[in-house]
Amino acid sequence: MEMDTALSFLSVAVVLTLAPGPDISFVIAQSLSQGKNAGIATALGLCTGLVVHISAAVLGVSAVIYQSALAFAIVKYAGAAYLLYLAWQAFNEKDAGLALERQERLTLMSLYKKAFL
């Protein structure tokens, strides 16, 4: 590999690593709206979900889903149904806006579960 290619790859990889994704944005939003402990509970839920996902990949569940058209279709349609459910919830919210003081306070366990899922 040429040095120019390696440096280009490295610089893009660093930028992508430092850019906050939806998980970090979720932790920041919970921390700002509900405090430090809510952010910690959310981060722990996200990490637990990652451990489960990585464990499934290591055990070969990803390979089974990849090889089985039925299993892949089930996962695909379940994900689409979940996204539609989230869209329905967002659509039905009344004047939610960005007012943090009007947001309902969730328990730490419910934040953990939400982040895990």
N, C-alpha and C. Protein backbone atom coordinates (compact mmCIF):
# COMPACT_ATOMS: atom_id res chain seq x y z
N MET A 1 0.85 -1.17 0.00
CA MET A 1 0.00 0.00 0.00
C MET A 1 0.90 1.24 0.00
N GLU A 2 0.53 2.17 -0.81
CA GLU A 2 1.31 3.40 -0.90
C GLU A 2 1.06 4.29 0.32
N MET A 3 2.00 5.13 0.63
CA MET A 3 1.91 6.00 1.80
C MET A 3 0.75 6.98 1.68
N ASP A 4 0.51 7.53 0.48
CA ASP A 4 -0.60 8.47 0.28
C ASP A 4 -1.95 7.80 0.58
N THR A 5 -2.10 6.58 0.13
CA THR A 5 -3.35 5.85 0.36
C THR A 5 -3.53 5.55 1.84
N ALA A 6 -2.45 5.13 2.49
CA ALA A 6 -2.52 4.82 3.92
C ALA A 6 -2.85 6.06 4.74
N LEU A 7 -2.25 7.19 4.43
CA LEU A 7 -2.53 8.43 5.16
C LEU A 7 -3.95 8.93 4.91
N SER A 8 -4.42 8.79 3.68
CA SER A 8 -5.80 9.17 3.38
C SER A 8 -6.78 8.31 4.17
N PHE A 9 -6.54 7.01 4.17
CA PHE A 9 -7.40 6.10 4.92
C PHE A 9 -7.37 6.43 6.41
N LEU A 10 -6.19 6.65 6.95
CA LEU A 10 -6.05 6.95 8.37
C LEU A 10 -6.77 8.24 8.74
N SER A 11 -6.64 9.27 7.91
CA SER A 11 -7.29 10.55 8.23
C SER A 11 -8.81 10.42 8.19
N VAL A 12 -9.34 9.71 7.21
CA VAL A 12 -10.78 9.51 7.13
C VAL A 12 -11.26 8.66 8.31
N ALA A 13 -10.51 7.64 8.67
CA ALA A 13 -10.87 6.78 9.80
C ALA A 13 -10.90 7.57 11.11
N VAL A 14 -9.97 8.46 11.31
CA VAL A 14 -9.94 9.28 12.52
C VAL A 14 -11.15 10.22 12.56
N VAL A 15 -11.47 10.85 11.44
CA VAL A 15 -12.61 11.76 11.39
C VAL A 15 -13.90 11.00 11.68
N LEU A 16 -14.08 9.83 11.07
CA LEU A 16 -15.29 9.04 11.31
C LEU A 16 -15.36 8.54 12.75
N THR A 17 -14.23 8.24 13.34
CA THR A 17 -14.22 7.78 14.73
C THR A 17 -14.59 8.91 15.68
N LEU A 18 -14.14 10.10 15.41
CA LEU A 18 -14.41 11.24 16.30
C LEU A 18 -15.80 11.84 16.10
N ALA A 19 -16.41 11.63 14.95
CA ALA A 19 -17.74 12.19 14.68
C ALA A 19 -18.78 11.45 15.52
N PRO A 20 -19.61 12.20 16.24
CA PRO A 20 -20.63 11.52 17.06
C PRO A 20 -21.71 10.90 16.18
N GLY A 21 -22.08 9.69 16.51
CA GLY A 21 -23.15 9.00 15.81
C GLY A 21 -24.45 9.13 16.57
N PRO A 22 -25.47 8.39 16.16
CA PRO A 22 -26.76 8.49 16.83
C PRO A 22 -26.72 7.99 18.28
N ASP A 23 -25.84 7.04 18.58
CA ASP A 23 -25.76 6.56 19.95
C ASP A 23 -25.20 7.63 20.88
N ILE A 24 -24.16 8.30 20.45
CA ILE A 24 -23.58 9.37 21.27
C ILE A 24 -24.56 10.53 21.40
N SER A 25 -25.25 10.85 20.32
CA SER A 25 -26.25 11.91 20.37
C SER A 25 -27.36 11.56 21.37
N PHE A 26 -27.76 10.30 21.41
CA PHE A 26 -28.78 9.84 22.35
C PHE A 26 -28.28 10.00 23.80
N VAL A 27 -27.05 9.62 24.06
CA VAL A 27 -26.48 9.77 25.41
C VAL A 27 -26.41 11.24 25.80
N ILE A 28 -25.97 12.09 24.89
CA ILE A 28 -25.88 13.52 25.18
C ILE A 28 -27.25 14.11 25.47
N ALA A 29 -28.25 13.72 24.66
CA ALA A 29 -29.61 14.24 24.86
C ALA A 29 -30.17 13.83 26.22
N GLN A 30 -29.96 12.58 26.61
CA GLN A 30 -30.46 12.12 27.90
C GLN A 30 -29.70 12.79 29.04
N SER A 31 -28.40 12.99 28.86
CA SER A 31 -27.61 13.64 29.90
C SER A 31 -28.04 15.09 30.09
N LEU A 32 -28.28 15.79 28.99
CA LEU A 32 -28.69 17.19 29.09
C LEU A 32 -30.09 17.34 29.67
N SER A 33 -30.99 16.45 29.29
CA SER A 33 -32.38 16.61 29.72
C SER A 33 -32.65 16.02 31.10
N GLN A 34 -31.89 14.97 31.50
CA GLN A 34 -32.23 14.30 32.76
C GLN A 34 -31.06 14.14 33.72
N GLY A 35 -29.90 14.60 33.33
CA GLY A 35 -28.79 14.58 34.27
C GLY A 35 -27.75 13.51 33.98
N LYS A 36 -26.68 13.58 34.76
CA LYS A 36 -25.52 12.72 34.58
C LYS A 36 -25.88 11.24 34.72
N ASN A 37 -26.66 10.88 35.73
CA ASN A 37 -26.99 9.47 35.95
C ASN A 37 -27.80 8.89 34.80
N ALA A 38 -28.67 9.70 34.21
CA ALA A 38 -29.44 9.25 33.05
C ALA A 38 -28.51 8.97 31.87
N GLY A 39 -27.52 9.81 31.68
CA GLY A 39 -26.54 9.59 30.62
C GLY A 39 -25.73 8.33 30.85
N ILE A 40 -25.37 8.08 32.10
CA ILE A 40 -24.61 6.87 32.42
C ILE A 40 -25.47 5.63 32.18
N ALA A 41 -26.74 5.66 32.61
CA ALA A 41 -27.64 4.52 32.40
C ALA A 41 -27.83 4.26 30.91
N THR A 42 -27.96 5.32 30.13
CA THR A 42 -28.12 5.18 28.69
C THR A 42 -26.86 4.58 28.06
N ALA A 43 -25.70 5.06 28.46
CA ALA A 43 -24.44 4.54 27.92
C ALA A 43 -24.26 3.06 28.29
N LEU A 44 -24.63 2.70 29.51
CA LEU A 44 -24.53 1.29 29.92
C LEU A 44 -25.47 0.41 29.10
N GLY A 45 -26.67 0.90 28.83
CA GLY A 45 -27.60 0.15 28.00
C GLY A 45 -27.07 -0.05 26.59
N LEU A 46 -26.50 1.00 26.03
CA LEU A 46 -25.92 0.88 24.69
C LEU A 46 -24.77 -0.12 24.66
N CYS A 47 -23.93 -0.08 25.67
CA CYS A 47 -22.79 -1.01 25.73
C CYS A 47 -23.25 -2.45 25.91
N THR A 48 -24.28 -2.66 26.72
CA THR A 48 -24.82 -4.01 26.89
C THR A 48 -25.38 -4.53 25.57
N GLY A 49 -26.07 -3.67 24.84
CA GLY A 49 -26.58 -4.06 23.53
C GLY A 49 -25.44 -4.43 22.57
N LEU A 50 -24.35 -3.68 22.63
CA LEU A 50 -23.20 -4.01 21.79
C LEU A 50 -22.59 -5.35 22.16
N VAL A 51 -22.52 -5.65 23.45
CA VAL A 51 -21.97 -6.93 23.89
C VAL A 51 -22.83 -8.08 23.37
N VAL A 52 -24.14 -7.92 23.45
CA VAL A 52 -25.05 -8.97 22.94
C VAL A 52 -24.87 -9.12 21.43
N HIS A 53 -24.80 -8.00 20.72
CA HIS A 53 -24.64 -8.04 19.26
C HIS A 53 -23.32 -8.70 18.87
N ILE A 54 -22.25 -8.31 19.52
CA ILE A 54 -20.94 -8.89 19.20
C ILE A 54 -20.90 -10.37 19.57
N SER A 55 -21.51 -10.73 20.70
CA SER A 55 -21.55 -12.15 21.09
C SER A 55 -22.31 -12.98 20.06
N ALA A 56 -23.42 -12.45 19.57
CA ALA A 56 -24.18 -13.17 18.54
C ALA A 56 -23.34 -13.34 17.27
N ALA A 57 -22.59 -12.30 16.92
CA ALA A 57 -21.74 -12.39 15.73
C ALA A 57 -20.64 -13.43 15.92
N VAL A 58 -20.05 -13.45 17.10
CA VAL A 58 -18.99 -14.41 17.38
C VAL A 58 -19.52 -15.84 17.36
N LEU A 59 -20.73 -16.03 17.86
CA LEU A 59 -21.32 -17.37 17.90
C LEU A 59 -21.86 -17.83 16.55
N GLY A 60 -21.83 -16.97 15.55
CA GLY A 60 -22.23 -17.36 14.22
C GLY A 60 -23.66 -17.04 13.85
N VAL A 61 -24.38 -16.32 14.69
CA VAL A 61 -25.76 -15.98 14.38
C VAL A 61 -25.82 -15.12 13.13
N SER A 62 -24.88 -14.24 12.96
CA SER A 62 -24.84 -13.38 11.76
C SER A 62 -24.68 -14.23 10.50
N ALA A 63 -23.86 -15.25 10.56
CA ALA A 63 -23.65 -16.11 9.40
C ALA A 63 -24.92 -16.89 9.06
N VAL A 64 -25.63 -17.35 10.10
CA VAL A 64 -26.88 -18.08 9.87
C VAL A 64 -27.91 -17.17 9.22
N ILE A 65 -28.04 -15.95 9.74
CA ILE A 65 -28.99 -14.99 9.17
C ILE A 65 -28.60 -14.65 7.73
N TYR A 66 -27.31 -14.54 7.48
CA TYR A 66 -26.82 -14.22 6.14
C TYR A 66 -27.15 -15.35 5.16
N GLN A 67 -27.04 -16.59 5.61
CA GLN A 67 -27.26 -17.74 4.73
C GLN A 67 -28.74 -18.08 4.55
N SER A 68 -29.58 -17.74 5.51
CA SER A 68 -30.99 -18.09 5.46
C SER A 68 -31.82 -16.91 4.95
N ALA A 69 -32.45 -17.09 3.83
CA ALA A 69 -33.28 -16.01 3.27
C ALA A 69 -34.45 -15.70 4.19
N LEU A 70 -35.04 -16.73 4.80
CA LEU A 70 -36.18 -16.52 5.70
C LEU A 70 -35.76 -15.75 6.94
N ALA A 71 -34.65 -16.14 7.56
CA ALA A 71 -34.18 -15.44 8.77
C ALA A 71 -33.84 -14.00 8.45
N PHE A 72 -33.20 -13.78 7.30
CA PHE A 72 -32.86 -12.42 6.91
C PHE A 72 -34.11 -11.59 6.68
N ALA A 73 -35.11 -12.17 6.04
CA ALA A 73 -36.36 -11.45 5.79
C ALA A 73 -37.06 -11.11 7.10
N ILE A 74 -37.04 -12.03 8.06
CA ILE A 74 -37.66 -11.77 9.37
C ILE A 74 -36.98 -10.60 10.06
N VAL A 75 -35.66 -10.61 10.09
CA VAL A 75 -34.92 -9.52 10.72
C VAL A 75 -35.17 -8.20 9.99
N LYS A 76 -35.18 -8.25 8.67
CA LYS A 76 -35.39 -7.05 7.87
C LYS A 76 -36.77 -6.45 8.11
N TYR A 77 -37.81 -7.29 8.10
CA TYR A 77 -39.16 -6.78 8.29
C TYR A 77 -39.42 -6.38 9.75
N ALA A 78 -38.79 -7.05 10.68
CA ALA A 78 -38.92 -6.63 12.08
C ALA A 78 -38.29 -5.25 12.28
N GLY A 79 -37.15 -5.01 11.64
CA GLY A 79 -36.52 -3.69 11.72
C GLY A 79 -37.36 -2.62 11.06
N ALA A 80 -37.96 -2.94 9.93
CA ALA A 80 -38.83 -1.98 9.26
C ALA A 80 -40.06 -1.68 10.10
N ALA A 81 -40.63 -2.71 10.73
CA ALA A 81 -41.80 -2.51 11.60
C ALA A 81 -41.43 -1.63 12.79
N TYR A 82 -40.24 -1.83 13.35
CA TYR A 82 -39.81 -1.01 14.48
C TYR A 82 -39.64 0.45 14.06
N LEU A 83 -39.06 0.67 12.89
CA LEU A 83 -38.90 2.04 12.41
C LEU A 83 -40.26 2.70 12.15
N LEU A 84 -41.20 1.95 11.62
CA LEU A 84 -42.55 2.49 11.43
C LEU A 84 -43.21 2.81 12.77
N TYR A 85 -42.99 1.96 13.76
CA TYR A 85 -43.51 2.22 15.10
C TYR A 85 -42.93 3.51 15.67
N LEU A 86 -41.63 3.70 15.52
CA LEU A 86 -40.99 4.93 16.00
C LEU A 86 -41.53 6.15 15.26
N ALA A 87 -41.74 6.01 13.95
CA ALA A 87 -42.29 7.12 13.18
C ALA A 87 -43.71 7.44 13.64
N TRP A 88 -44.49 6.42 13.92
CA TRP A 88 -45.86 6.60 14.39
C TRP A 88 -45.86 7.34 15.73
N GLN A 89 -44.97 6.94 16.63
CA GLN A 89 -44.86 7.62 17.92
C GLN A 89 -44.48 9.08 17.74
N ALA A 90 -43.51 9.36 16.87
CA ALA A 90 -43.08 10.74 16.64
C ALA A 90 -44.19 11.56 16.00
N PHE A 91 -44.94 10.95 15.11
CA PHE A 91 -46.03 11.64 14.43
C PHE A 91 -47.16 11.99 15.40
N ASN A 92 -47.41 11.14 16.37
CA ASN A 92 -48.52 11.34 17.29
C ASN A 92 -48.18 12.20 18.51
N GLU A 93 -46.94 12.60 18.65
CA GLU A 93 -46.56 13.45 19.77
C GLU A 93 -47.18 14.83 19.59
N LYS A 94 -47.75 15.35 20.65
CA LYS A 94 -48.40 16.66 20.61
C LYS A 94 -47.42 17.72 21.11
N ASP A 95 -47.06 18.65 20.24
CA ASP A 95 -46.21 19.78 20.60
C ASP A 95 -44.98 19.37 21.40
N ALA A 96 -44.30 18.32 20.98
CA ALA A 96 -43.12 17.87 21.71
C ALA A 96 -42.01 18.91 21.64
N GLY A 97 -41.70 19.38 20.46
CA GLY A 97 -40.67 20.39 20.30
C GLY A 97 -39.35 19.99 20.93
N LEU A 98 -38.58 20.97 21.30
CA LEU A 98 -37.30 20.72 21.94
C LEU A 98 -37.28 21.24 23.38
N ALA A 99 -38.42 21.51 23.96
CA ALA A 99 -38.47 22.02 25.32
C ALA A 99 -38.09 20.91 26.30
N LEU A 100 -36.90 21.02 26.86
CA LEU A 100 -36.41 19.98 27.76
C LEU A 100 -37.16 19.95 29.08
N GLU A 101 -37.64 21.10 29.52
CA GLU A 101 -38.31 21.13 30.83
C GLU A 101 -39.67 20.42 30.80
N ARG A 102 -40.26 20.25 29.61
CA ARG A 102 -41.55 19.58 29.51
C ARG A 102 -41.42 18.08 29.27
N GLN A 103 -40.23 17.58 29.10
CA GLN A 103 -40.02 16.16 28.85
C GLN A 103 -40.30 15.37 30.12
N GLU A 104 -40.95 14.21 29.94
CA GLU A 104 -41.21 13.38 31.11
C GLU A 104 -39.91 12.73 31.57
N ARG A 105 -39.78 12.60 32.87
CA ARG A 105 -38.57 12.01 33.44
C ARG A 105 -38.72 10.49 33.40
N LEU A 106 -37.78 9.82 32.77
CA LEU A 106 -37.79 8.38 32.70
C LEU A 106 -36.92 7.82 33.82
N THR A 107 -37.29 6.63 34.31
CA THR A 107 -36.46 6.00 35.33
C THR A 107 -35.15 5.54 34.67
N LEU A 108 -34.15 5.33 35.50
CA LEU A 108 -32.87 4.89 34.98
C LEU A 108 -32.99 3.53 34.30
N MET A 109 -33.83 2.65 34.86
CA MET A 109 -34.01 1.33 34.26
C MET A 109 -34.68 1.43 32.89
N SER A 110 -35.65 2.33 32.75
CA SER A 110 -36.32 2.46 31.45
C SER A 110 -35.35 3.07 30.42
N LEU A 111 -34.49 3.98 30.84
CA LEU A 111 -33.47 4.51 29.93
C LEU A 111 -32.50 3.42 29.51
N TYR A 112 -32.11 2.58 30.46
CA TYR A 112 -31.20 1.47 30.18
C TYR A 112 -31.84 0.53 29.15
N LYS A 113 -33.12 0.17 29.37
CA LYS A 113 -33.81 -0.74 28.45
C LYS A 113 -33.95 -0.12 27.06
N LYS A 114 -34.30 1.16 27.03
CA LYS A 114 -34.47 1.85 25.75
C LYS A 114 -33.15 1.86 24.97
N ALA A 115 -32.07 2.14 25.66
CA ALA A 115 -30.76 2.16 25.01
C ALA A 115 -30.33 0.76 24.58
N PHE A 116 -30.63 -0.23 25.39
CA PHE A 116 -30.28 -1.61 25.07
C PHE A 116 -30.97 -2.06 23.78
N LEU A 117 -32.26 -1.75 23.68
CA LEU A 117 -33.00 -2.15 22.48
C LEU A 117 -32.60 -1.33 21.28
